[in-house]
Amino acid sequence: ISWQSPTRPIAKAINPRVVYERLFGKRLQASAPEAQSYRNLLDF
């Protein structure tokens, strides 16, 4: 529904993780080993 020009639609983000990283600029940890030592964004 969003068009930058008549021939150029703008792709929508559907993955919440991707949106979060666009907003706050910090990659979230995902795998179990990483999660054990994970400090979330607010800790930084």
PDB file of all heavy atoms in Angstrom:
ATOM      1  N   ILE A   1       0.829  -1.208   0.000  1.00  0.00           N
ATOM      2  CA  ILE A   1       0.000   0.000   0.000  1.00  0.00           C
ATOM      3  C   ILE A   1       0.862   1.256   0.000  1.00  0.00           C
ATOM      4  O   ILE A   1       0.358   2.359  -0.212  1.00  0.00           O
ATOM      5  CB  ILE A   1      -0.961   0.048   1.208  1.00  0.00           C
ATOM      6  CG1 ILE A   1      -0.189  -0.003   2.532  1.00  0.00           C
ATOM      7  CG2 ILE A   1      -1.990  -1.080   1.127  1.00  0.00           C
ATOM      8  CD1 ILE A   1      -1.052   0.207   3.768  1.00  0.00           C
ATOM      9  N   SER A   2       2.170   1.108   0.236  1.00  0.00           N
ATOM     10  CA  SER A   2       3.080   2.252   0.306  1.00  0.00           C
ATOM     11  C   SER A   2       3.920   2.310  -0.962  1.00  0.00           C
ATOM     12  O   SER A   2       4.612   1.347  -1.308  1.00  0.00           O
ATOM     13  CB  SER A   2       3.987   2.119   1.535  1.00  0.00           C
ATOM     14  OG  SER A   2       4.803   3.258   1.701  1.00  0.00           O
ATOM     15  N   TRP A   3       3.881   3.468  -1.652  1.00  0.00           N
ATOM     16  CA  TRP A   3       4.562   3.631  -2.941  1.00  0.00           C
ATOM     17  C   TRP A   3       5.381   4.909  -2.941  1.00  0.00           C
ATOM     18  O   TRP A   3       4.844   6.008  -2.800  1.00  0.00           O
ATOM     19  CB  TRP A   3       3.538   3.681  -4.080  1.00  0.00           C
ATOM     20  CG  TRP A   3       2.768   2.406  -4.237  1.00  0.00           C
ATOM     21  CD1 TRP A   3       1.713   1.969  -3.472  1.00  0.00           C
ATOM     22  CD2 TRP A   3       3.010   1.375  -5.210  1.00  0.00           C
ATOM     23  NE1 TRP A   3       1.281   0.736  -3.915  1.00  0.00           N
ATOM     24  CE2 TRP A   3       2.054   0.354  -4.982  1.00  0.00           C
ATOM     25  CE3 TRP A   3       3.930   1.246  -6.255  1.00  0.00           C
ATOM     26  CZ2 TRP A   3       2.000  -0.799  -5.765  1.00  0.00           C
ATOM     27  CZ3 TRP A   3       3.877   0.095  -7.021  1.00  0.00           C
ATOM     28  CH2 TRP A   3       2.922  -0.908  -6.787  1.00  0.00           C
ATOM     29  N   GLN A   4       6.691   4.756  -3.121  1.00  0.00           N
ATOM     30  CA  GLN A   4       7.572   5.922  -3.194  1.00  0.00           C
ATOM     31  C   GLN A   4       7.412   6.645  -4.519  1.00  0.00           C
ATOM     32  O   GLN A   4       7.628   7.849  -4.615  1.00  0.00           O
ATOM     33  CB  GLN A   4       9.017   5.497  -2.993  1.00  0.00           C
ATOM     34  CG  GLN A   4       9.967   6.641  -2.658  1.00  0.00           C
ATOM     35  CD  GLN A   4      11.304   6.119  -2.194  1.00  0.00           C
ATOM     36  OE1 GLN A   4      11.992   5.408  -2.910  1.00  0.00           O
ATOM     37  NE2 GLN A   4      11.672   6.472  -0.965  1.00  0.00           N
ATOM     38  N   SER A   5       7.034   5.901  -5.536  1.00  0.00           N
ATOM     39  CA  SER A   5       6.691   6.442  -6.847  1.00  0.00           C
ATOM     40  C   SER A   5       5.679   5.477  -7.450  1.00  0.00           C
ATOM     41  O   SER A   5       5.467   4.384  -6.911  1.00  0.00           O
ATOM     42  CB  SER A   5       7.928   6.560  -7.748  1.00  0.00           C
ATOM     43  OG  SER A   5       8.322   5.278  -8.210  1.00  0.00           O
ATOM     44  N   PRO A   6       5.037   5.828  -8.570  1.00  0.00           N
ATOM     45  CA  PRO A   6       4.049   4.913  -9.137  1.00  0.00           C
ATOM     46  C   PRO A   6       4.604   3.534  -9.466  1.00  0.00           C
ATOM     47  O   PRO A   6       3.859   2.552  -9.481  1.00  0.00           O
ATOM     48  CB  PRO A   6       3.591   5.644 -10.402  1.00  0.00           C
ATOM     49  CG  PRO A   6       3.847   7.085 -10.130  1.00  0.00           C
ATOM     50  CD  PRO A   6       5.088   7.111  -9.298  1.00  0.00           C
ATOM     51  N   THR A   7       5.896   3.446  -9.720  1.00  0.00           N
ATOM     52  CA  THR A   7       6.496   2.169 -10.119  1.00  0.00           C
ATOM     53  C   THR A   7       7.390   1.561  -9.043  1.00  0.00           C
ATOM     54  O   THR A   7       8.033   0.542  -9.284  1.00  0.00           O
ATOM     55  CB  THR A   7       7.342   2.364 -11.400  1.00  0.00           C
ATOM     56  OG1 THR A   7       8.370   3.334 -11.145  1.00  0.00           O
ATOM     57  CG2 THR A   7       6.471   2.852 -12.551  1.00  0.00           C
ATOM     58  N   ARG A   8       7.430   2.172  -7.866  1.00  0.00           N
ATOM     59  CA  ARG A   8       8.333   1.691  -6.822  1.00  0.00           C
ATOM     60  C   ARG A   8       7.602   1.502  -5.493  1.00  0.00           C
ATOM     61  O   ARG A   8       7.481   2.429  -4.689  1.00  0.00           O
ATOM     62  CB  ARG A   8       9.490   2.668  -6.626  1.00  0.00           C
ATOM     63  CG  ARG A   8      10.549   2.161  -5.664  1.00  0.00           C
ATOM     64  CD  ARG A   8      11.705   3.126  -5.538  1.00  0.00           C
ATOM     65  NE  ARG A   8      12.704   2.651  -4.605  1.00  0.00           N
ATOM     66  CZ  ARG A   8      13.778   3.334  -4.227  1.00  0.00           C
ATOM     67  NH1 ARG A   8      14.004   4.535  -4.739  1.00  0.00           N
ATOM     68  NH2 ARG A   8      14.631   2.827  -3.364  1.00  0.00           N
ATOM     69  N   PRO A   9       7.112   0.268  -5.246  1.00  0.00           N
ATOM     70  CA  PRO A   9       6.511  -0.001  -3.938  1.00  0.00           C
ATOM     71  C   PRO A   9       7.607  -0.132  -2.878  1.00  0.00           C
ATOM     72  O   PRO A   9       8.749  -0.473  -3.192  1.00  0.00           O
ATOM     73  CB  PRO A   9       5.805  -1.349  -4.155  1.00  0.00           C
ATOM     74  CG  PRO A   9       6.605  -2.008  -5.229  1.00  0.00           C
ATOM     75  CD  PRO A   9       7.090  -0.902  -6.132  1.00  0.00           C
ATOM     76  N   ILE A  10       7.249   0.160  -1.642  1.00  0.00           N
ATOM     77  CA  ILE A  10       8.215   0.039  -0.543  1.00  0.00           C
ATOM     78  C   ILE A  10       7.950  -1.261   0.201  1.00  0.00           C
ATOM     79  O   ILE A  10       6.824  -1.510   0.649  1.00  0.00           O
ATOM     80  CB  ILE A  10       8.130   1.234   0.409  1.00  0.00           C
ATOM     81  CG1 ILE A  10       8.484   2.518  -0.340  1.00  0.00           C
ATOM     82  CG2 ILE A  10       9.055   1.042   1.608  1.00  0.00           C
ATOM     83  CD1 ILE A  10       8.540   3.732   0.518  1.00  0.00           C
ATOM     84  N   ALA A  11       8.979  -2.071   0.315  1.00  0.00           N
ATOM     85  CA  ALA A  11       8.837  -3.366   0.985  1.00  0.00           C
ATOM     86  C   ALA A  11       8.501  -3.166   2.454  1.00  0.00           C
ATOM     87  O   ALA A  11       9.075  -2.309   3.128  1.00  0.00           O
ATOM     88  CB  ALA A  11      10.117  -4.172   0.835  1.00  0.00           C
ATOM     89  N   LYS A  12       7.578  -3.955   2.950  1.00  0.00           N
ATOM     90  CA  LYS A  12       7.217  -3.878   4.366  1.00  0.00           C
ATOM     91  C   LYS A  12       8.031  -4.887   5.164  1.00  0.00           C
ATOM     92  O   LYS A  12       8.384  -5.962   4.665  1.00  0.00           O
ATOM     93  CB  LYS A  12       5.722  -4.135   4.550  1.00  0.00           C
ATOM     94  CG  LYS A  12       5.223  -5.480   4.045  1.00  0.00           C
ATOM     95  CD  LYS A  12       3.710  -5.562   4.158  1.00  0.00           C
ATOM     96  CE  LYS A  12       3.204  -6.952   3.751  1.00  0.00           C
ATOM     97  NZ  LYS A  12       3.306  -7.168   2.304  1.00  0.00           N
ATOM     98  N   ALA A  13       8.351  -4.532   6.388  1.00  0.00           N
ATOM     99  CA  ALA A  13       9.065  -5.433   7.288  1.00  0.00           C
ATOM    100  C   ALA A  13       8.046  -6.322   7.983  1.00  0.00           C
ATOM    101  O   ALA A  13       7.044  -5.829   8.510  1.00  0.00           O
ATOM    102  CB  ALA A  13       9.864  -4.647   8.310  1.00  0.00           C
ATOM    103  N   ILE A  14       8.288  -7.633   7.982  1.00  0.00           N
ATOM    104  CA  ILE A  14       7.345  -8.549   8.618  1.00  0.00           C
ATOM    105  C   ILE A  14       7.966  -9.310   9.781  1.00  0.00           C
ATOM    106  O   ILE A  14       7.251  -9.984  10.526  1.00  0.00           O
ATOM    107  CB  ILE A  14       6.766  -9.546   7.594  1.00  0.00           C
ATOM    108  CG1 ILE A  14       7.860 -10.456   7.037  1.00  0.00           C
ATOM    109  CG2 ILE A  14       6.047  -8.803   6.478  1.00  0.00           C
ATOM    110  CD1 ILE A  14       7.323 -11.579   6.163  1.00  0.00           C
ATOM    111  N   ASN A  15       9.278  -9.201   9.958  1.00  0.00           N
ATOM    112  CA  ASN A  15       9.963  -9.879  11.049  1.00  0.00           C
ATOM    113  C   ASN A  15      10.188  -8.895  12.196  1.00  0.00           C
ATOM    114  O   ASN A  15      10.905  -7.905  12.039  1.00  0.00           O
ATOM    115  CB  ASN A  15      11.306 -10.434  10.564  1.00  0.00           C
ATOM    116  CG  ASN A  15      11.994 -11.307  11.607  1.00  0.00           C
ATOM    117  OD1 ASN A  15      11.829 -11.100  12.805  1.00  0.00           O
ATOM    118  ND2 ASN A  15      12.763 -12.275  11.158  1.00  0.00           N
ATOM    119  N   PRO A  16       9.585  -9.120  13.362  1.00  0.00           N
ATOM    120  CA  PRO A  16       9.752  -8.185  14.487  1.00  0.00           C
ATOM    121  C   PRO A  16      11.206  -7.942  14.858  1.00  0.00           C
ATOM    122  O   PRO A  16      11.578  -6.838  15.260  1.00  0.00           O
ATOM    123  CB  PRO A  16       8.995  -8.873  15.624  1.00  0.00           C
ATOM    124  CG  PRO A  16       7.992  -9.735  14.943  1.00  0.00           C
ATOM    125  CD  PRO A  16       8.670 -10.223  13.696  1.00  0.00           C
ATOM    126  N   ARG A  17      12.047  -8.975  14.746  1.00  0.00           N
ATOM    127  CA  ARG A  17      13.471  -8.822  15.075  1.00  0.00           C
ATOM    128  C   ARG A  17      14.117  -7.769  14.177  1.00  0.00           C
ATOM    129  O   ARG A  17      14.881  -6.912  14.638  1.00  0.00           O
ATOM    130  CB  ARG A  17      14.192 -10.156  14.916  1.00  0.00           C
ATOM    131  CG  ARG A  17      15.710 -10.069  15.035  1.00  0.00           C
ATOM    132  CD  ARG A  17      16.339 -11.421  14.755  1.00  0.00           C
ATOM    133  NE  ARG A  17      16.028 -12.356  15.812  1.00  0.00           N
ATOM    134  CZ  ARG A  17      16.709 -12.447  16.949  1.00  0.00           C
ATOM    135  NH1 ARG A  17      17.728 -11.642  17.173  1.00  0.00           N
ATOM    136  NH2 ARG A  17      16.391 -13.322  17.862  1.00  0.00           N
ATOM    137  N   VAL A  18      13.810  -7.826  12.888  1.00  0.00           N
ATOM    138  CA  VAL A  18      14.380  -6.866  11.941  1.00  0.00           C
ATOM    139  C   VAL A  18      13.920  -5.452  12.273  1.00  0.00           C
ATOM    140  O   VAL A  18      14.711  -4.494  12.240  1.00  0.00           O
ATOM    141  CB  VAL A  18      13.990  -7.241  10.500  1.00  0.00           C
ATOM    142  CG1 VAL A  18      14.416  -6.153   9.518  1.00  0.00           C
ATOM    143  CG2 VAL A  18      14.622  -8.576  10.110  1.00  0.00           C
ATOM    144  N   VAL A  19      12.653  -5.297  12.613  1.00  0.00           N
ATOM    145  CA  VAL A  19      12.123  -3.972  12.964  1.00  0.00           C
ATOM    146  C   VAL A  19      12.809  -3.447  14.219  1.00  0.00           C
ATOM    147  O   VAL A  19      13.215  -2.278  14.286  1.00  0.00           O
ATOM    148  CB  VAL A  19      10.596  -4.035  13.181  1.00  0.00           C
ATOM    149  CG1 VAL A  19      10.052  -2.668  13.607  1.00  0.00           C
ATOM    150  CG2 VAL A  19       9.899  -4.498  11.906  1.00  0.00           C
ATOM    151  N   TYR A  20      12.953  -4.308  15.205  1.00  0.00           N
ATOM    152  CA  TYR A  20      13.605  -3.922  16.456  1.00  0.00           C
ATOM    153  C   TYR A  20      15.021  -3.422  16.198  1.00  0.00           C
ATOM    154  O   TYR A  20      15.453  -2.403  16.748  1.00  0.00           O
ATOM    155  CB  TYR A  20      13.617  -5.126  17.393  1.00  0.00           C
ATOM    156  CG  TYR A  20      14.129  -4.844  18.784  1.00  0.00           C
ATOM    157  CD1 TYR A  20      13.259  -4.500  19.808  1.00  0.00           C
ATOM    158  CD2 TYR A  20      15.481  -4.936  19.080  1.00  0.00           C
ATOM    159  CE1 TYR A  20      13.718  -4.254  21.079  1.00  0.00           C
ATOM    160  CE2 TYR A  20      15.950  -4.700  20.358  1.00  0.00           C
ATOM    161  CZ  TYR A  20      15.072  -4.356  21.357  1.00  0.00           C
ATOM    162  OH  TYR A  20      15.528  -4.107  22.619  1.00  0.00           O
ATOM    163  N   GLU A  21      15.757  -4.148  15.359  1.00  0.00           N
ATOM    164  CA  GLU A  21      17.136  -3.758  15.080  1.00  0.00           C
ATOM    165  C   GLU A  21      17.207  -2.460  14.291  1.00  0.00           C
ATOM    166  O   GLU A  21      18.147  -1.679  14.444  1.00  0.00           O
ATOM    167  CB  GLU A  21      17.842  -4.897  14.344  1.00  0.00           C
ATOM    168  CG  GLU A  21      18.077  -6.109  15.245  1.00  0.00           C
ATOM    169  CD  GLU A  21      18.542  -7.327  14.486  1.00  0.00           C
ATOM    170  OE1 GLU A  21      18.692  -7.245  13.245  1.00  0.00           O
ATOM    171  OE2 GLU A  21      18.750  -8.383  15.127  1.00  0.00           O
ATOM    172  N   ARG A  22      16.219  -2.218  13.442  1.00  0.00           N
ATOM    173  CA  ARG A  22      16.173  -0.936  12.721  1.00  0.00           C
ATOM    174  C   ARG A  22      15.931   0.211  13.689  1.00  0.00           C
ATOM    175  O   ARG A  22      16.504   1.298  13.540  1.00  0.00           O
ATOM    176  CB  ARG A  22      15.073  -0.961  11.666  1.00  0.00           C
ATOM    177  CG  ARG A  22      15.371  -1.793  10.435  1.00  0.00           C
ATOM    178  CD  ARG A  22      14.265  -1.666   9.418  1.00  0.00           C
ATOM    179  NE  ARG A  22      14.179  -0.317   8.876  1.00  0.00           N
ATOM    180  CZ  ARG A  22      13.165   0.136   8.144  1.00  0.00           C
ATOM    181  NH1 ARG A  22      12.124  -0.658   7.894  1.00  0.00           N
ATOM    182  NH2 ARG A  22      13.163   1.371   7.676  1.00  0.00           N
ATOM    183  N   LEU A  23      15.100  -0.027  14.675  1.00  0.00           N
ATOM    184  CA  LEU A  23      14.763   1.036  15.627  1.00  0.00           C
ATOM    185  C   LEU A  23      15.900   1.314  16.606  1.00  0.00           C
ATOM    186  O   LEU A  23      16.174   2.470  16.938  1.00  0.00           O
ATOM    187  CB  LEU A  23      13.507   0.656  16.418  1.00  0.00           C
ATOM    188  CG  LEU A  23      12.184   0.644  15.657  1.00  0.00           C
ATOM    189  CD1 LEU A  23      11.052   0.181  16.577  1.00  0.00           C
ATOM    190  CD2 LEU A  23      11.861   2.023  15.096  1.00  0.00           C
ATOM    191  N   PHE A  24      16.574   0.262  17.076  1.00  0.00           N
ATOM    192  CA  PHE A  24      17.519   0.416  18.180  1.00  0.00           C
ATOM    193  C   PHE A  24      18.963   0.085  17.830  1.00  0.00           C
ATOM    194  O   PHE A  24      19.847   0.263  18.659  1.00  0.00           O
ATOM    195  CB  PHE A  24      17.061  -0.423  19.375  1.00  0.00           C
ATOM    196  CG  PHE A  24      15.674  -0.073  19.846  1.00  0.00           C
ATOM    197  CD1 PHE A  24      14.719  -1.052  20.024  1.00  0.00           C
ATOM    198  CD2 PHE A  24      15.329   1.244  20.095  1.00  0.00           C
ATOM    199  CE1 PHE A  24      13.441  -0.731  20.459  1.00  0.00           C
ATOM    200  CE2 PHE A  24      14.059   1.582  20.519  1.00  0.00           C
ATOM    201  CZ  PHE A  24      13.110   0.591  20.703  1.00  0.00           C
ATOM    202  N   GLY A  25      19.195  -0.433  16.632  1.00  0.00           N
ATOM    203  CA  GLY A  25      20.564  -0.573  16.147  1.00  0.00           C
ATOM    204  C   GLY A  25      21.429  -1.567  16.878  1.00  0.00           C
ATOM    205  O   GLY A  25      22.647  -1.464  16.878  1.00  0.00           O
ATOM    206  N   LYS A  26      20.850  -2.568  17.540  1.00  0.00           N
ATOM    207  CA  LYS A  26      21.635  -3.572  18.244  1.00  0.00           C
ATOM    208  C   LYS A  26      21.072  -4.947  17.948  1.00  0.00           C
ATOM    209  O   LYS A  26      19.895  -5.200  18.152  1.00  0.00           O
ATOM    210  CB  LYS A  26      21.610  -3.339  19.760  1.00  0.00           C
ATOM    211  CG  LYS A  26      22.583  -4.232  20.521  1.00  0.00           C
ATOM    212  CD  LYS A  26      24.011  -3.829  20.265  1.00  0.00           C
ATOM    213  CE  LYS A  26      24.986  -4.723  20.998  1.00  0.00           C
ATOM    214  NZ  LYS A  26      26.376  -4.323  20.750  1.00  0.00           N
ATOM    215  N   ARG A  27      21.888  -5.851  17.454  1.00  0.00           N
ATOM    216  CA  ARG A  27      21.414  -7.176  17.113  1.00  0.00           C
ATOM    217  C   ARG A  27      21.091  -7.975  18.379  1.00  0.00           C
ATOM    218  O   ARG A  27      21.850  -7.976  19.345  1.00  0.00           O
ATOM    219  CB  ARG A  27      22.445  -7.935  16.289  1.00  0.00           C
ATOM    220  CG  ARG A  27      22.704  -7.317  14.934  1.00  0.00           C
ATOM    221  CD  ARG A  27      23.520  -8.248  14.070  1.00  0.00           C
ATOM    222  NE  ARG A  27      22.842  -9.500  13.808  1.00  0.00           N
ATOM    223  CZ  ARG A  27      21.905  -9.646  12.875  1.00  0.00           C
ATOM    224  NH1 ARG A  27      21.511  -8.615  12.159  1.00  0.00           N
ATOM    225  NH2 ARG A  27      21.344 -10.831  12.675  1.00  0.00           N
ATOM    226  N   LEU A  28      19.945  -8.661  18.347  1.00  0.00           N
ATOM    227  CA  LEU A  28      19.565  -9.507  19.466  1.00  0.00           C
ATOM    228  C   LEU A  28      20.241 -10.866  19.346  1.00  0.00           C
ATOM    229  O   LEU A  28      20.495 -11.364  18.266  1.00  0.00           O
ATOM    230  CB  LEU A  28      18.046  -9.720  19.467  1.00  0.00           C
ATOM    231  CG  LEU A  28      17.191  -8.472  19.676  1.00  0.00           C
ATOM    232  CD1 LEU A  28      15.736  -8.825  19.473  1.00  0.00           C
ATOM    233  CD2 LEU A  28      17.413  -7.905  21.056  1.00  0.00           C
ATOM    234  N   GLN A  29      20.508 -11.464  20.471  1.00  0.00           N
ATOM    235  CA  GLN A  29      21.083 -12.811  20.476  1.00  0.00           C
ATOM    236  C   GLN A  29      19.969 -13.823  20.261  1.00  0.00           C
ATOM    237  O   GLN A  29      18.834 -13.609  20.683  1.00  0.00           O
ATOM    238  CB  GLN A  29      21.780 -13.083  21.813  1.00  0.00           C
ATOM    239  CG  GLN A  29      22.796 -12.023  22.189  1.00  0.00           C
ATOM    240  CD  GLN A  29      23.912 -11.910  21.164  1.00  0.00           C
ATOM    241  OE1 GLN A  29      24.365 -12.912  20.651  1.00  0.00           O
ATOM    242  NE2 GLN A  29      24.336 -10.710  20.873  1.00  0.00           N
ATOM    243  N   ALA A  30      20.273 -14.942  19.604  1.00  0.00           N
ATOM    244  CA  ALA A  30      19.217 -15.896  19.279  1.00  0.00           C
ATOM    245  C   ALA A  30      19.493 -17.306  19.780  1.00  0.00           C
ATOM    246  O   ALA A  30      18.622 -17.945  20.338  1.00  0.00           O
ATOM    247  CB  ALA A  30      19.002 -15.929  17.767  1.00  0.00           C
ATOM    248  N   SER A  31      20.708 -17.826  19.571  1.00  0.00           N
ATOM    249  CA  SER A  31      20.970 -19.225  19.901  1.00  0.00           C
ATOM    250  C   SER A  31      21.077 -19.408  21.405  1.00  0.00           C
ATOM    251  O   SER A  31      21.341 -18.482  22.159  1.00  0.00           O
ATOM    252  CB  SER A  31      22.254 -19.694  19.224  1.00  0.00           C
ATOM    253  OG  SER A  31      23.375 -19.053  19.798  1.00  0.00           O
ATOM    254  N   ALA A  32      20.890 -20.656  21.829  1.00  0.00           N
ATOM    255  CA  ALA A  32      20.924 -20.958  23.261  1.00  0.00           C
ATOM    256  C   ALA A  32      22.248 -20.574  23.921  1.00  0.00           C
ATOM    257  O   ALA A  32      22.257 -19.961  24.986  1.00  0.00           O
ATOM    258  CB  ALA A  32      20.614 -22.434  23.486  1.00  0.00           C
ATOM    259  N   PRO A  33      23.425 -20.925  23.324  1.00  0.00           N
ATOM    260  CA  PRO A  33      24.702 -20.536  23.955  1.00  0.00           C
ATOM    261  C   PRO A  33      24.828 -19.024  24.107  1.00  0.00           C
ATOM    262  O   PRO A  33      25.319 -18.535  25.131  1.00  0.00           O
ATOM    263  CB  PRO A  33      25.746 -21.090  22.984  1.00  0.00           C
ATOM    264  CG  PRO A  33      25.061 -22.212  22.276  1.00  0.00           C
ATOM    265  CD  PRO A  33      23.636 -21.753  22.123  1.00  0.00           C
ATOM    266  N   GLU A  34      24.394 -18.297  23.093  1.00  0.00           N
ATOM    267  CA  GLU A  34      24.489 -16.840  23.173  1.00  0.00           C
ATOM    268  C   GLU A  34      23.544 -16.305  24.230  1.00  0.00           C
ATOM    269  O   GLU A  34      23.849 -15.352  24.948  1.00  0.00           O
ATOM    270  CB  GLU A  34      24.155 -16.216  21.813  1.00  0.00           C
ATOM    271  CG  GLU A  34      25.204 -16.468  20.745  1.00  0.00           C
ATOM    272  CD  GLU A  34      24.710 -16.040  19.386  1.00  0.00           C
ATOM    273  OE1 GLU A  34      23.509 -16.189  19.115  1.00  0.00           O
ATOM    274  OE2 GLU A  34      25.532 -15.560  18.594  1.00  0.00           O
ATOM    275  N   ALA A  35      22.374 -16.909  24.339  1.00  0.00           N
ATOM    276  CA  ALA A  35      21.366 -16.425  25.270  1.00  0.00           C
ATOM    277  C   ALA A  35      21.837 -16.555  26.712  1.00  0.00           C
ATOM    278  O   ALA A  35      21.443 -15.774  27.575  1.00  0.00           O
ATOM    279  CB  ALA A  35      20.063 -17.196  25.067  1.00  0.00           C
ATOM    280  N   GLN A  36      22.700 -17.547  27.004  1.00  0.00           N
ATOM    281  CA  GLN A  36      23.159 -17.752  28.374  1.00  0.00           C
ATOM    282  C   GLN A  36      23.964 -16.565  28.887  1.00  0.00           C
ATOM    283  O   GLN A  36      23.932 -16.256  30.079  1.00  0.00           O
ATOM    284  CB  GLN A  36      24.001 -19.037  28.437  1.00  0.00           C
ATOM    285  CG  GLN A  36      23.178 -20.305  28.236  1.00  0.00           C
ATOM    286  CD  GLN A  36      24.046 -21.541  28.233  1.00  0.00           C
ATOM    287  OE1 GLN A  36      25.271 -21.458  28.385  1.00  0.00           O
ATOM    288  NE2 GLN A  36      23.423 -22.711  28.048  1.00  0.00           N
ATOM    289  N   SER A  37      24.715 -15.921  28.004  1.00  0.00           N
ATOM    290  CA  SER A  37      25.540 -14.792  28.428  1.00  0.00           C
ATOM    291  C   SER A  37      24.979 -13.472  27.903  1.00  0.00           C
ATOM    292  O   SER A  37      25.667 -12.465  27.864  1.00  0.00           O
ATOM    293  CB  SER A  37      26.968 -14.964  27.909  1.00  0.00           C
ATOM    294  OG  SER A  37      26.971 -15.022  26.489  1.00  0.00           O
ATOM    295  N   TYR A  38      23.710 -13.536  27.512  1.00  0.00           N
ATOM    296  CA  TYR A  38      23.123 -12.377  26.827  1.00  0.00           C
ATOM    297  C   TYR A  38      22.801 -11.233  27.788  1.00  0.00           C
ATOM    298  O   TYR A  38      22.256 -11.441  28.863  1.00  0.00           O
ATOM    299  CB  TYR A  38      21.844 -12.835  26.117  1.00  0.00           C
ATOM    300  CG  TYR A  38      21.071 -11.702  25.499  1.00  0.00           C
ATOM    301  CD1 TYR A  38      21.643 -10.937  24.484  1.00  0.00           C
ATOM    302  CD2 TYR A  38      19.809 -11.386  25.955  1.00  0.00           C
ATOM    303  CE1 TYR A  38      20.955  -9.897  23.927  1.00  0.00           C
ATOM    304  CE2 TYR A  38      19.113 -10.349  25.393  1.00  0.00           C
ATOM    305  CZ  TYR A  38      19.688  -9.605  24.380  1.00  0.00           C
ATOM    306  OH  TYR A  38      18.984  -8.562  23.831  1.00  0.00           O
ATOM    307  N   ARG A  39      23.204 -10.033  27.397  1.00  0.00           N
ATOM    308  CA  ARG A  39      22.779  -8.809  28.077  1.00  0.00           C
ATOM    309  C   ARG A  39      21.867  -8.069  27.127  1.00  0.00           C
ATOM    310  O   ARG A  39      22.258  -7.767  26.003  1.00  0.00           O
ATOM    311  CB  ARG A  39      23.978  -7.923  28.411  1.00  0.00           C
ATOM    312  CG  ARG A  39      24.895  -8.487  29.465  1.00  0.00           C
ATOM    313  CD  ARG A  39      25.937  -7.452  29.841  1.00  0.00           C
ATOM    314  NE  ARG A  39      26.695  -6.993  28.683  1.00  0.00           N
ATOM    315  CZ  ARG A  39      27.315  -5.814  28.599  1.00  0.00           C
ATOM    316  NH1 ARG A  39      27.225  -4.962  29.586  1.00  0.00           N
ATOM    317  NH2 ARG A  39      27.997  -5.494  27.518  1.00  0.00           N
ATOM    318  N   ASN A  40      20.642  -7.773  27.536  1.00  0.00           N
ATOM    319  CA  ASN A  40      19.732  -7.149  26.576  1.00  0.00           C
ATOM    320  C   ASN A  40      20.075  -5.679  26.368  1.00  0.00           C
ATOM    321  O   ASN A  40      20.943  -5.110  27.021  1.00  0.00           O
ATOM    322  CB  ASN A  40      18.261  -7.343  26.975  1.00  0.00           C
ATOM    323  CG  ASN A  40      17.891  -6.595  28.242  1.00  0.00           C
ATOM    324  OD1 ASN A  40      18.405  -5.527  28.526  1.00  0.00           O
ATOM    325  ND2 ASN A  40      16.976  -7.166  29.005  1.00  0.00           N
ATOM    326  N   LEU A  41      19.398  -5.084  25.442  1.00  0.00           N
ATOM    327  CA  LEU A  41      19.720  -3.727  25.004  1.00  0.00           C
ATOM    328  C   LEU A  41      19.746  -2.724  26.161  1.00  0.00           C
ATOM    329  O   LEU A  41      20.620  -1.868  26.231  1.00  0.00           O
ATOM    330  CB  LEU A  41      18.691  -3.295  23.950  1.00  0.00           C
ATOM    331  CG  LEU A  41      18.819  -1.898  23.364  1.00  0.00           C
ATOM    332  CD1 LEU A  41      18.434  -1.912  21.896  1.00  0.00           C
ATOM    333  CD2 LEU A  41      17.897  -0.912  24.091  1.00  0.00           C
ATOM    334  N   LEU A  42      18.817  -2.848  27.079  1.00  0.00           N
ATOM    335  CA  LEU A  42      18.746  -1.872  28.165  1.00  0.00           C
ATOM    336  C   LEU A  42      19.964  -1.942  29.080  1.00  0.00           C
ATOM    337  O   LEU A  42      20.334  -0.942  29.695  1.00  0.00           O
ATOM    338  CB  LEU A  42      17.459  -2.090  28.966  1.00  0.00           C
ATOM    339  CG  LEU A  42      16.164  -1.804  28.199  1.00  0.00           C
ATOM    340  CD1 LEU A  42      14.968  -1.960  29.130  1.00  0.00           C
ATOM    341  CD2 LEU A  42      16.179  -0.409  27.598  1.00  0.00           C
ATOM    342  N   ASP A  43      20.567  -3.115  29.167  1.00  0.00           N
ATOM    343  CA  ASP A  43      21.778  -3.217  29.989  1.00  0.00           C
ATOM    344  C   ASP A  43      22.907  -2.347  29.451  1.00  0.00           C
ATOM    345  O   ASP A  43      23.745  -1.849  30.202  1.00  0.00           O
ATOM    346  CB  ASP A  43      22.251  -4.672  30.061  1.00  0.00           C
ATOM    347  CG  ASP A  43      21.281  -5.547  30.835  1.00  0.00           C
ATOM    348  OD1 ASP A  43      20.647  -5.018  31.764  1.00  0.00           O
ATOM    349  OD2 ASP A  43      21.156  -6.728  30.501  1.00  0.00           O
ATOM    350  N   PHE A  44      22.932  -2.173  28.133  1.00  0.00           N
ATOM    351  CA  PHE A  44      23.994  -1.377  27.519  1.00  0.00           C
ATOM    352  C   PHE A  44      23.842   0.120  27.826  1.00  0.00           C
ATOM    353  O   PHE A  44      24.815   0.857  27.809  1.00  0.00           O
ATOM    354  CB  PHE A  44      24.004  -1.590  26.000  1.00  0.00           C
ATOM    355  CG  PHE A  44      24.494  -2.942  25.579  1.00  0.00           C
ATOM    356  CD1 PHE A  44      23.620  -3.866  25.047  1.00  0.00           C
ATOM    357  CD2 PHE A  44      25.826  -3.301  25.712  1.00  0.00           C
ATOM    358  CE1 PHE A  44      24.048  -5.121  24.653  1.00  0.00           C
ATOM    359  CE2 PHE A  44      26.277  -4.555  25.323  1.00  0.00           C
ATOM    360  CZ  PHE A  44      25.384  -5.470  24.790  1.00  0.00           C
TER     361      PHE A  44
END
